[in-house]
Amino acid sequence: MQSPHHEKYHFENQYDDYSQRAAEPHIENHTIKATSNITAKLAAKWEFTLEELKSWRSSDYSVYTGTGGIGLLFLRKSPDDIHNLRNIRKNYLQLEQLKNKRVTFLCGDAGPLAIATVISHKLEDRKIFDFCTRKLMAFVKVVNNTNSDLPNEYMYGRCGFLYALLYVNKYVSPPAFSDVTIRSIITDILCAGEKLAKHLKIEKNCPLMYEWHDSKYLGAAHGISGIIYLLLQARKYLTEEELTTIIKPTIAFLSTLRFPTGNFPSSLGPGRQDKYVQWCHGAPGFLYMYCEAYRTFGDKHYLYLAEKCADVIWFRGILRKGYSLCHGVAGNAYCFLEMFQTTKEAKYLYRAIRFAEYCMDYTKQKEEYSPDRPMSLFEGISGPMYLLLDIQDPLNAKFPGFTL
């Protein structure tokens, strides 16, 4: 599973792997025991984090590294508390500061706008609801412009915008955005992938391919595994033919890229290295894609491949980069929650609990680099806090900004 050069990216996993005896103090009836370490420590940890966040201010309003992510955390904590909803919208979404530059949920205007739309729906505030949906609709023309240099990935591209619309429609009834609007974006994403695959002359084996900054990335954040994961989550907008003749063969091609260790390269092309096991690159993004492919097609081979990814993450997922969602232990813990939801096997909840414990007992000695934005959702403490809230209800946990 490992070789010496991998160890510069992760610490050795010191936890015992799953057994009924090891899991007994932690798990009961598909959930975490009230007496477990995580449940016992969560209240104190939350209060400490809350105090830290109260004084944190930033001009960055993004969900990824800015105040929008803190708003999403508070929404996860108390989704129906009126005072909390008003506080999030007023202090964390910075709607009056939006720059109309980036269109995505994680790194652009669409994140704060989508969260504000859902909150305004809960508050029955039609004025701000209409303002936000108009702003989001105005981006559709930008996203539909296939002659622009807009990429297709999650962080800065079309998938990041598509996620925002799907997120709103999930929590707003009747849906704020029409099937026609959503389908138009999916069509653009598929067409862009087919165009590049043909240009690379790989379309017979791999009907879709994407690039970002001239690299054919494969991971969740910038690459094709994340794009396919979202398309499969939105499969009701896809035709049976698209699923079987475009998506399925692409997944089959990507599966041929797997290293003997079970991990995946971060990009297509020469010089591929078996380095990263984190949400943004490597096996974690493929695990999500395989789980959703299993739910879509019912083929147990996808589940087998997901299980292999999960094993890689267990052995190599306690990362030297720290505890973050994007490139840290919290993001990897979510992979085990995804596996638990897919299989209902206690082993995966146990593994998620162990990684969450690691995040909770985190010290500065456990990271190589301090995060640039230590309070943020994707690089800082708010990501592990989101995980600790989510793991209390493991069958409904969702990686923020990625899983619908």
Protein backbone atom coordinates (compact mmCIF):
# COMPACT_ATOMS: atom_id res chain seq x y z
CA MET A 1 0.00 0.00 0.00
CA GLN A 2 2.89 2.36 0.74
CA SER A 3 6.41 3.09 -0.36
CA PRO A 4 8.92 5.39 1.40
CA HIS A 5 8.43 8.36 -0.95
CA HIS A 6 4.74 8.56 -0.01
CA GLU A 7 5.57 9.26 3.62
CA LYS A 8 6.65 12.83 2.98
CA TYR A 9 3.00 13.63 2.21
CA HIS A 10 1.33 11.90 5.15
CA PHE A 11 1.86 10.65 8.68
CA GLU A 12 1.60 6.96 9.43
CA ASN A 13 -1.93 6.04 10.47
CA GLN A 14 -1.55 5.00 14.13
CA TYR A 15 -5.19 3.98 14.60
CA ASP A 16 -6.29 0.36 14.71
CA ASP A 17 -8.43 -0.43 11.69
CA TYR A 18 -12.04 -1.48 12.11
CA SER A 19 -13.08 -4.40 14.25
CA GLN A 20 -16.29 -4.81 16.21
CA ARG A 21 -14.31 -4.47 19.40
CA ALA A 22 -12.53 -1.30 18.25
CA ALA A 23 -15.81 0.26 17.08
CA GLU A 24 -17.89 -0.66 20.13
CA PRO A 25 -17.09 2.51 22.17
CA HIS A 26 -18.00 4.73 19.20
CA ILE A 27 -20.90 3.31 17.16
CA GLU A 28 -24.42 2.14 17.87
CA ASN A 29 -27.25 1.61 15.36
CA HIS A 30 -25.55 3.36 12.42
CA THR A 31 -24.73 6.47 14.41
CA ILE A 32 -22.23 7.82 16.94
CA LYS A 33 -22.76 7.03 20.60
CA ALA A 34 -23.54 9.97 22.84
CA THR A 35 -20.66 8.81 25.04
CA SER A 36 -18.05 8.89 22.26
CA ASN A 37 -15.09 11.27 22.43
CA ILE A 38 -16.38 13.35 19.52
CA THR A 39 -19.85 13.93 20.97
CA ALA A 40 -18.42 14.71 24.39
CA LYS A 41 -15.91 17.25 23.07
CA LEU A 42 -18.00 18.87 20.33
CA ALA A 43 -19.87 21.40 22.49
CA ALA A 44 -16.68 22.84 23.98
CA LYS A 45 -14.91 22.83 20.62
CA TRP A 46 -17.84 24.60 18.98
CA GLU A 47 -17.99 27.31 21.66
CA PHE A 48 -14.26 27.97 21.32
CA THR A 49 -14.52 28.19 17.52
CA LEU A 50 -17.57 30.43 17.74
CA GLU A 51 -15.65 32.92 19.87
CA GLU A 52 -12.78 32.90 17.38
CA LEU A 53 -15.12 33.43 14.43
CA LYS A 54 -17.02 36.30 16.04
CA SER A 55 -14.00 38.58 15.73
CA TRP A 56 -12.94 37.35 12.28
CA ARG A 57 -13.52 39.73 9.40
CA SER A 58 -12.37 39.50 5.80
CA SER A 59 -13.04 41.22 2.48
CA ASP A 60 -12.96 37.74 0.91
CA TYR A 61 -16.62 36.70 0.67
CA SER A 62 -16.04 33.31 -0.97
CA VAL A 63 -17.27 30.02 0.45
CA TYR A 64 -13.81 28.51 -0.07
CA THR A 65 -11.62 30.86 1.98
CA GLY A 66 -13.86 33.74 3.02
CA THR A 67 -16.88 34.77 5.04
CA GLY A 68 -19.32 32.88 2.79
CA GLY A 69 -17.88 29.63 4.13
CA ILE A 70 -18.44 30.75 7.71
CA GLY A 71 -22.02 31.56 6.76
CA LEU A 72 -22.42 28.04 5.40
CA LEU A 73 -21.02 26.61 8.65
CA PHE A 74 -23.49 28.62 10.74
CA LEU A 75 -26.30 27.52 8.44
CA ARG A 76 -25.29 23.89 9.03
CA LYS A 77 -25.26 24.49 12.80
CA SER A 78 -28.75 26.05 13.07
CA PRO A 79 -30.59 25.78 9.74
CA ASP A 80 -33.97 26.97 11.01
CA ASP A 81 -33.10 29.55 13.66
CA ILE A 82 -34.47 32.91 12.42
CA HIS A 83 -31.94 35.01 14.34
CA ASN A 84 -29.07 32.87 13.00
CA LEU A 85 -30.35 33.13 9.41
CA ARG A 86 -30.56 36.91 9.60
CA ASN A 87 -27.10 37.11 11.16
CA ILE A 88 -25.58 34.98 8.37
CA ARG A 89 -27.12 37.07 5.63
CA LYS A 90 -26.17 40.37 7.24
CA ASN A 91 -22.63 39.60 8.41
CA TYR A 92 -21.17 36.82 6.28
CA LEU A 93 -22.50 36.86 2.71
CA GLN A 94 -21.42 40.44 1.80
CA LEU A 95 -23.99 40.68 -1.01
CA GLU A 96 -23.29 44.39 -1.47
CA GLN A 97 -19.58 43.64 -2.08
CA LEU A 98 -19.95 41.08 -4.88
CA LYS A 99 -17.57 41.80 -7.76
CA ASN A 100 -19.38 39.98 -10.62
CA LYS A 101 -16.12 38.31 -11.61
CA ARG A 102 -16.19 34.64 -10.70
CA VAL A 103 -19.31 32.55 -11.18
CA THR A 104 -18.80 29.50 -8.96
CA PHE A 105 -20.23 28.35 -5.64
CA LEU A 106 -16.89 27.85 -3.89
CA CYS A 107 -14.77 30.69 -5.23
CA GLY A 108 -17.19 33.18 -6.77
CA ASP A 109 -20.35 35.22 -6.37
CA ALA A 110 -22.66 32.24 -6.90
CA GLY A 111 -21.88 30.82 -3.45
CA PRO A 112 -23.02 33.78 -1.34
CA LEU A 113 -25.93 34.37 -3.72
CA ALA A 114 -27.09 30.74 -3.54
CA ILE A 115 -26.83 30.64 0.27
CA ALA A 116 -28.67 33.98 0.52
CA THR A 117 -31.40 32.64 -1.80
CA VAL A 118 -31.99 29.64 0.46
CA ILE A 119 -31.93 31.79 3.61
CA SER A 120 -34.30 34.37 2.10
CA HIS A 121 -36.67 31.56 1.15
CA LYS A 122 -36.63 30.36 4.76
CA LEU A 123 -37.21 33.93 5.98
CA GLU A 124 -39.97 34.47 3.38
CA ASP A 125 -38.10 37.59 2.24
CA ARG A 126 -39.22 37.88 -1.35
CA LYS A 127 -37.27 41.05 -2.09
CA ILE A 128 -33.80 39.62 -1.38
CA PHE A 129 -34.83 36.23 -2.80
CA ASP A 130 -35.69 37.89 -6.13
CA PHE A 131 -32.50 39.99 -6.04
CA CYS A 132 -30.33 36.88 -5.61
CA THR A 133 -32.07 34.75 -8.22
CA ARG A 134 -31.88 37.61 -10.75
CA LYS A 135 -28.15 37.92 -10.10
CA LEU A 136 -27.67 34.18 -10.57
CA MET A 137 -29.74 34.17 -13.78
CA ALA A 138 -27.59 37.00 -15.13
CA PHE A 139 -24.58 34.66 -14.89
CA VAL A 140 -26.28 32.04 -17.06
CA LYS A 141 -25.48 34.01 -20.22
CA VAL A 142 -21.81 34.18 -19.16
CA VAL A 143 -21.71 30.44 -18.45
CA ASN A 144 -23.48 29.58 -21.72
CA ASN A 145 -20.90 31.53 -23.75
CA THR A 146 -18.89 28.61 -25.09
CA ASN A 147 -16.46 30.94 -26.88
CA SER A 148 -15.16 32.31 -23.58
CA ASP A 149 -12.19 30.89 -21.67
CA LEU A 150 -14.39 29.80 -18.76
CA PRO A 151 -13.24 26.35 -17.58
CA ASN A 152 -15.62 23.55 -16.63
CA GLU A 153 -14.35 22.44 -13.21
CA TYR A 154 -15.75 22.99 -9.69
CA MET A 155 -13.58 25.78 -8.33
CA TYR A 156 -13.77 28.36 -11.12
CA GLY A 157 -15.84 26.83 -13.91
CA ARG A 158 -19.24 25.74 -15.17
CA CYS A 159 -19.60 22.88 -12.69
CA GLY A 160 -19.12 25.32 -9.83
CA PHE A 161 -22.00 27.41 -11.19
CA LEU A 162 -24.17 24.39 -11.92
CA TYR A 163 -23.71 23.25 -8.32
CA ALA A 164 -25.01 26.63 -7.10
CA LEU A 165 -28.24 26.32 -9.10
CA LEU A 166 -28.78 22.70 -8.04
CA TYR A 167 -28.12 23.66 -4.41
CA VAL A 168 -30.79 26.37 -4.54
CA ASN A 169 -33.31 24.07 -6.23
CA LYS A 170 -32.73 21.40 -3.58
CA TYR A 171 -33.74 23.72 -0.73
CA VAL A 172 -36.27 25.99 -2.44
CA SER A 173 -39.76 24.94 -3.45
CA PRO A 174 -40.97 25.47 -6.09
CA PRO A 175 -37.51 25.30 -7.76
CA ALA A 176 -36.03 28.71 -8.55
CA PHE A 177 -34.32 27.59 -11.77
CA SER A 178 -35.96 25.77 -14.65
CA ASP A 179 -34.95 22.41 -16.07
CA VAL A 180 -34.20 24.19 -19.35
CA THR A 181 -31.68 26.50 -17.66
CA ILE A 182 -29.93 23.66 -15.85
CA ARG A 183 -29.91 21.44 -18.92
CA SER A 184 -28.33 24.24 -21.00
CA ILE A 185 -25.34 24.32 -18.65
CA ILE A 186 -25.02 20.53 -18.65
CA THR A 187 -25.07 20.59 -22.47
CA ASP A 188 -22.23 23.13 -22.47
CA ILE A 189 -20.19 20.97 -20.06
CA LEU A 190 -20.70 17.83 -22.16
CA CYS A 191 -19.92 19.64 -25.43
CA ALA A 192 -16.70 21.11 -24.02
CA GLY A 193 -15.58 17.67 -22.82
CA GLU A 194 -16.35 16.02 -26.16
CA LYS A 195 -14.56 18.77 -28.05
CA LEU A 196 -11.32 18.35 -26.09
CA ALA A 197 -11.47 14.54 -26.27
CA LYS A 198 -11.74 14.78 -30.06
CA HIS A 199 -8.91 17.29 -30.20
CA LEU A 200 -6.74 14.87 -28.20
CA LYS A 201 -7.92 11.98 -30.43
CA ILE A 202 -8.98 9.90 -27.42
CA GLU A 203 -12.74 10.13 -27.95
CA LYS A 204 -13.13 6.44 -28.91
CA ASN A 205 -11.88 5.34 -25.48
CA CYS A 206 -12.61 8.47 -23.47
CA PRO A 207 -15.55 10.55 -24.81
CA LEU A 208 -14.95 13.40 -22.32
CA MET A 209 -11.85 15.27 -21.21
CA TYR A 210 -11.30 18.67 -19.60
CA GLU A 211 -8.40 20.96 -18.83
CA TRP A 212 -7.63 23.82 -16.50
CA HIS A 213 -4.56 26.00 -17.00
CA ASP A 214 -3.41 23.67 -19.80
CA SER A 215 -3.41 20.58 -17.54
CA LYS A 216 -5.85 17.69 -17.90
CA TYR A 217 -6.61 17.42 -14.19
CA LEU A 218 -8.31 14.28 -12.90
CA GLY A 219 -9.21 15.09 -9.28
CA ALA A 220 -12.32 16.51 -7.62
CA ALA A 221 -11.52 20.23 -7.47
CA HIS A 222 -10.16 20.98 -10.94
CA GLY A 223 -10.63 17.73 -12.79
CA ILE A 224 -12.83 15.24 -14.54
CA SER A 225 -13.69 13.01 -11.57
CA GLY A 226 -15.36 15.98 -9.87
CA ILE A 227 -17.14 16.98 -13.07
CA ILE A 228 -18.51 13.47 -13.62
CA TYR A 229 -19.54 13.25 -9.97
CA LEU A 230 -21.68 16.36 -10.34
CA LEU A 231 -23.15 15.22 -13.67
CA LEU A 232 -24.14 11.92 -12.06
CA GLN A 233 -25.70 13.76 -9.12
CA ALA A 234 -27.71 15.69 -11.74
CA ARG A 235 -28.47 12.54 -13.76
CA LYS A 236 -32.19 13.29 -14.01
CA TYR A 237 -31.18 15.97 -16.53
CA LEU A 238 -29.14 13.49 -18.61
CA THR A 239 -30.44 11.10 -21.26
CA GLU A 240 -29.94 7.35 -21.00
CA GLU A 241 -27.79 7.54 -24.10
CA GLU A 242 -25.51 10.19 -22.55
CA LEU A 243 -25.11 8.08 -19.43
CA THR A 244 -24.26 4.89 -21.31
CA THR A 245 -22.28 6.18 -24.31
CA ILE A 246 -20.51 9.22 -22.85
CA ILE A 247 -20.26 8.96 -19.05
CA LYS A 248 -19.75 5.19 -18.66
CA PRO A 249 -16.87 4.83 -21.18
CA THR A 250 -15.16 7.89 -19.68
CA ILE A 251 -15.26 6.31 -16.21
CA ALA A 252 -13.90 3.07 -17.71
CA PHE A 253 -10.98 4.96 -19.29
CA LEU A 254 -10.21 6.84 -16.07
CA SER A 255 -10.12 3.51 -14.20
CA THR A 256 -7.21 2.37 -16.38
CA LEU A 257 -5.10 5.21 -14.92
CA ARG A 258 -5.07 3.73 -11.42
CA PHE A 259 -1.64 3.15 -9.87
CA PRO A 260 -0.82 -0.30 -8.42
CA THR A 261 -1.28 1.28 -4.96
CA GLY A 262 -4.93 2.06 -5.80
CA ASN A 263 -4.33 5.81 -5.96
CA PHE A 264 -4.76 8.02 -9.04
CA PRO A 265 -2.57 10.67 -10.66
CA SER A 266 -3.51 14.33 -10.35
CA SER A 267 -3.44 14.88 -14.13
CA LEU A 268 -3.23 13.15 -17.47
CA GLY A 269 0.05 13.07 -19.37
CA PRO A 270 3.71 12.14 -18.91
CA GLY A 271 5.48 12.23 -15.55
CA ARG A 272 2.46 11.08 -13.58
CA GLN A 273 3.32 10.58 -9.91
CA ASP A 274 1.61 8.70 -7.11
CA LYS A 275 1.70 11.59 -4.64
CA TYR A 276 -1.54 13.14 -3.46
CA VAL A 277 -4.35 11.55 -1.47
CA GLN A 278 -6.58 14.55 -0.75
CA TRP A 279 -9.97 15.86 -1.82
CA CYS A 280 -8.57 18.04 -4.60
CA HIS A 281 -6.23 15.40 -6.11
CA GLY A 282 -6.01 11.62 -6.12
CA ALA A 283 -8.20 8.79 -4.83
CA PRO A 284 -10.74 10.87 -2.82
CA GLY A 285 -12.29 12.48 -5.90
CA PHE A 286 -12.46 9.10 -7.64
CA LEU A 287 -14.16 7.54 -4.62
CA TYR A 288 -17.04 10.01 -4.94
CA MET A 289 -17.31 9.39 -8.67
CA TYR A 290 -17.38 5.61 -8.19
CA CYS A 291 -19.98 5.76 -5.39
CA GLU A 292 -22.28 7.88 -7.54
CA ALA A 293 -21.66 5.61 -10.55
CA TYR A 294 -22.66 2.64 -8.40
CA ARG A 295 -25.86 4.41 -7.35
CA THR A 296 -26.56 5.31 -10.99
CA PHE A 297 -25.75 2.06 -12.78
CA GLY A 298 -25.93 -0.56 -10.02
CA ASP A 299 -22.67 -2.18 -11.16
CA LYS A 300 -20.79 -3.60 -8.16
CA HIS A 301 -17.46 -3.11 -9.93
CA TYR A 302 -17.79 0.63 -9.18
CA LEU A 303 -18.27 -0.22 -5.51
CA TYR A 304 -15.15 -2.40 -5.59
CA LEU A 305 -13.14 0.50 -7.05
CA ALA A 306 -14.55 2.87 -4.42
CA GLU A 307 -13.52 0.42 -1.68
CA LYS A 308 -9.99 0.34 -3.07
CA CYS A 309 -9.89 4.16 -2.96
CA ALA A 310 -11.14 4.08 0.63
CA ASP A 311 -8.29 1.75 1.63
CA VAL A 312 -5.73 4.12 0.10
CA ILE A 313 -7.28 7.02 2.02
CA TRP A 314 -7.21 5.07 5.30
CA PHE A 315 -3.51 4.25 4.98
CA ARG A 316 -2.30 7.51 3.41
CA GLY A 317 -4.97 10.05 4.34
CA ILE A 318 -3.61 11.57 7.56
CA LEU A 319 -1.88 14.34 5.70
CA ARG A 320 1.08 16.46 6.70
CA LYS A 321 -0.70 19.46 5.19
CA GLY A 322 -3.07 19.53 8.17
CA TYR A 323 -6.75 19.10 8.87
CA SER A 324 -8.46 21.09 6.10
CA LEU A 325 -11.29 20.08 3.78
CA CYS A 326 -9.45 20.76 0.53
CA HIS A 327 -6.08 19.13 1.18
CA GLY A 328 -6.31 17.73 4.67
CA VAL A 329 -7.69 15.10 7.00
CA ALA A 330 -11.22 16.51 7.30
CA GLY A 331 -11.73 16.27 3.55
CA ASN A 332 -10.54 12.66 3.62
CA ALA A 333 -12.88 11.83 6.52
CA TYR A 334 -15.82 12.77 4.29
CA CYS A 335 -14.81 9.98 1.90
CA PHE A 336 -15.53 7.44 4.62
CA LEU A 337 -18.91 9.06 5.28
CA GLU A 338 -19.66 8.76 1.56
CA MET A 339 -18.73 5.07 1.73
CA PHE A 340 -20.86 4.59 4.85
CA GLN A 341 -23.87 6.13 3.12
CA THR A 342 -23.27 3.92 0.07
CA THR A 343 -22.65 0.60 1.85
CA LYS A 344 -24.09 1.08 5.39
CA GLU A 345 -20.98 -0.76 6.64
CA ALA A 346 -19.91 0.26 10.15
CA LYS A 347 -16.26 0.01 9.09
CA TYR A 348 -16.51 3.26 7.16
CA LEU A 349 -18.24 5.19 9.93
CA TYR A 350 -15.53 3.96 12.29
CA ARG A 351 -12.82 5.20 9.93
CA ALA A 352 -14.56 8.58 9.58
CA ILE A 353 -14.74 8.87 13.38
CA ARG A 354 -11.02 8.16 13.71
CA PHE A 355 -10.12 10.85 11.16
CA ALA A 356 -12.53 13.28 12.85
CA GLU A 357 -10.88 12.53 16.20
CA TYR A 358 -7.54 13.36 14.63
CA CYS A 359 -8.95 16.74 13.54
CA MET A 360 -10.34 17.36 17.01
CA ASP A 361 -7.05 16.54 18.75
CA TYR A 362 -5.14 18.59 16.22
CA THR A 363 -1.96 20.43 17.21
CA LYS A 364 0.50 22.60 15.30
CA GLN A 365 3.00 19.71 15.35
CA LYS A 366 0.67 17.82 13.00
CA GLU A 367 1.05 20.13 10.01
CA GLU A 368 3.90 21.12 7.75
CA TYR A 369 2.43 24.47 6.75
CA SER A 370 0.09 26.73 8.68
CA PRO A 371 -2.97 27.63 6.57
CA ASP A 372 -2.98 31.10 5.00
CA ARG A 373 -6.60 31.54 6.09
CA PRO A 374 -6.79 29.66 9.42
CA MET A 375 -10.48 30.39 10.08
CA SER A 376 -11.79 29.49 6.62
CA LEU A 377 -14.02 26.60 5.54
CA PHE A 378 -11.72 24.90 3.04
CA GLU A 379 -8.28 25.74 4.44
CA GLY A 380 -8.88 26.38 8.14
CA ILE A 381 -10.69 25.34 11.31
CA SER A 382 -14.23 25.84 9.97
CA GLY A 383 -13.87 22.77 7.72
CA PRO A 384 -13.21 20.32 10.57
CA MET A 385 -16.01 22.00 12.55
CA TYR A 386 -18.40 21.39 9.65
CA LEU A 387 -17.28 17.75 9.63
CA LEU A 388 -17.80 17.40 13.40
CA LEU A 389 -21.35 18.72 13.06
CA ASP A 390 -22.04 16.50 10.06
CA ILE A 391 -20.68 13.31 11.60
CA GLN A 392 -23.36 13.49 14.32
CA ASP A 393 -25.82 12.54 11.56
CA PRO A 394 -23.57 10.39 9.36
CA LEU A 395 -26.18 9.08 6.93
CA ASN A 396 -27.03 12.66 5.93
CA ALA A 397 -23.54 14.20 5.96
CA LYS A 398 -22.59 16.12 2.81
CA PHE A 399 -19.23 17.52 1.80
CA PRO A 400 -20.03 21.25 1.59
CA GLY A 401 -20.05 22.79 -1.86
CA PHE A 402 -19.51 19.39 -3.50
CA THR A 403 -22.25 16.91 -2.52
CA LEU A 404 -25.89 17.82 -3.05
